[in-house]
C-alpha atoms as a PDB file:
ATOM      1  CA  UNK A   1      -4.142   5.974  -2.314  1.00  0.00           C
ATOM      2  CA  UNK A   2      -2.641   8.647  -4.723  1.00  0.00           C
ATOM      3  CA  UNK A   3       0.694   9.342  -5.910  1.00  0.00           C
ATOM      4  CA  UNK A   4       1.157  12.110  -2.838  1.00  0.00           C
ATOM      5  CA  UNK A   5      -0.061   9.570  -0.148  1.00  0.00           C
ATOM      6  CA  UNK A   6       2.281   6.671  -1.874  1.00  0.00           C
ATOM      7  CA  UNK A   7       5.234   9.064  -1.448  1.00  0.00           C
ATOM      8  CA  UNK A   8       4.399  10.065   2.012  1.00  0.00           C
ATOM      9  CA  UNK A   9       4.291   6.446   3.147  1.00  0.00           C
ATOM     10  CA  UNK A  10       7.412   5.659   1.689  1.00  0.00           C
ATOM     11  CA  UNK A  11       8.823   8.447   3.542  1.00  0.00           C
ATOM     12  CA  UNK A  12       6.984   7.237   6.829  1.00  0.00           C
ATOM     13  CA  UNK A  13       8.877   3.888   6.475  1.00  0.00           C
ATOM     14  CA  UNK A  14      12.083   5.697   5.930  1.00  0.00           C
ATOM     15  CA  UNK A  15      12.835   3.731   3.018  1.00  0.00           C
ATOM     16  CA  UNK A  16      14.544   5.237  -0.371  1.00  0.00           C
ATOM     17  CA  UNK A  17      12.789   4.240  -3.834  1.00  0.00           C
ATOM     18  CA  UNK A  18      15.619   1.711  -4.268  1.00  0.00           C
ATOM     19  CA  UNK A  19      14.666   0.138  -1.130  1.00  0.00           C
ATOM     20  CA  UNK A  20      10.878   0.168  -1.433  1.00  0.00           C
ATOM     21  CA  UNK A  21      11.260  -1.261  -5.282  1.00  0.00           C
ATOM     22  CA  UNK A  22      13.299  -4.148  -3.857  1.00  0.00           C
ATOM     23  CA  UNK A  23      10.673  -4.938  -1.043  1.00  0.00           C
ATOM     24  CA  UNK A  24       7.736  -4.905  -3.727  1.00  0.00           C
ATOM     25  CA  UNK A  25       9.882  -6.692  -6.350  1.00  0.00           C
ATOM     26  CA  UNK A  26       9.520  -3.843  -8.836  1.00  0.00           C
ATOM     27  CA  UNK A  27      12.132  -1.414 -10.475  1.00  0.00           C
ATOM     28  CA  UNK A  28      13.052   1.903  -8.872  1.00  0.00           C
ATOM     29  CA  UNK A  29      11.654   3.538 -12.086  1.00  0.00           C
ATOM     30  CA  UNK A  30       8.195   2.073 -11.187  1.00  0.00           C
ATOM     31  CA  UNK A  31       8.272   3.671  -7.633  1.00  0.00           C
ATOM     32  CA  UNK A  32       9.237   6.817  -9.432  1.00  0.00           C
ATOM     33  CA  UNK A  33       6.024   6.557 -11.901  1.00  0.00           C
ATOM     34  CA  UNK A  34       3.528   5.957  -9.012  1.00  0.00           C
ATOM     35  CA  UNK A  35       5.058   8.858  -6.791  1.00  0.00           C
ATOM     36  CA  UNK A  36       4.754  11.484  -9.450  1.00  0.00           C
ATOM     37  CA  UNK A  37       1.277   9.687 -10.833  1.00  0.00           C
ATOM     38  CA  UNK A  38       2.730   8.499 -14.333  1.00  0.00           C
ATOM     39  CA  UNK A  39       1.115   5.281 -13.270  1.00  0.00           C
ATOM     40  CA  UNK A  40      -2.156   4.140 -11.518  1.00  0.00           C
ATOM     41  CA  UNK A  41      -1.897   2.614  -7.982  1.00  0.00           C
ATOM     42  CA  UNK A  42      -4.109  -0.474  -8.077  1.00  0.00           C
ATOM     43  CA  UNK A  43      -5.321  -2.054  -5.091  1.00  0.00           C
ATOM     44  CA  UNK A  44      -2.992  -4.876  -5.032  1.00  0.00           C
ATOM     45  CA  UNK A  45      -0.138  -2.284  -4.606  1.00  0.00           C
ATOM     46  CA  UNK A  46      -2.251  -0.432  -2.176  1.00  0.00           C
ATOM     47  CA  UNK A  47      -2.559  -3.521   0.022  1.00  0.00           C
ATOM     48  CA  UNK A  48       1.242  -4.496  -0.254  1.00  0.00           C
ATOM     49  CA  UNK A  49       2.288  -1.153   0.741  1.00  0.00           C
ATOM     50  CA  UNK A  50      -0.448  -0.822   3.709  1.00  0.00           C
ATOM     51  CA  UNK A  51       1.136  -4.217   4.861  1.00  0.00           C
ATOM     52  CA  UNK A  52       4.622  -3.416   4.687  1.00  0.00           C
ATOM     53  CA  UNK A  53       4.234   0.178   6.362  1.00  0.00           C
ATOM     54  CA  UNK A  54       2.297  -1.398   9.030  1.00  0.00           C
ATOM     55  CA  UNK A  55       5.561  -3.914   9.606  1.00  0.00           C
ATOM     56  CA  UNK A  56       8.152  -1.518   8.619  1.00  0.00           C
ATOM     57  CA  UNK A  57       6.693   1.536  11.027  1.00  0.00           C
ATOM     58  CA  UNK A  58       6.429  -1.034  14.010  1.00  0.00           C
ATOM     59  CA  UNK A  59       9.972  -2.541  13.673  1.00  0.00           C
ATOM     60  CA  UNK A  60      11.078   1.118  13.336  1.00  0.00           C
ATOM     61  CA  UNK A  61       9.479   2.477  16.345  1.00  0.00           C
ATOM     62  CA  UNK A  62      10.614  -0.699  18.454  1.00  0.00           C
ATOM     63  CA  UNK A  63      14.183  -0.199  17.555  1.00  0.00           C
ATOM     64  CA  UNK A  64      14.075   3.670  18.491  1.00  0.00           C
ATOM     65  CA  UNK A  65      12.536   2.809  21.953  1.00  0.00           C
ATOM     66  CA  UNK A  66      15.302   0.197  22.485  1.00  0.00           C
ATOM     67  CA  UNK A  67      17.934   3.009  22.339  1.00  0.00           C
END
């Protein structure tokens, strides 16, 4: 996962940098650095993002279909 993909995934989950940081247990600055390629994205973070995205996008889709 590169910086652009990381940012796209966050936006797909409809989360701000602050919200994502809270879910991952990191600072907003860390999320900013990952999104701008200032820090590498390791496999553990990539797996956490994938897991979070799967569950967040599923929940968002369910809420929308119930409207």
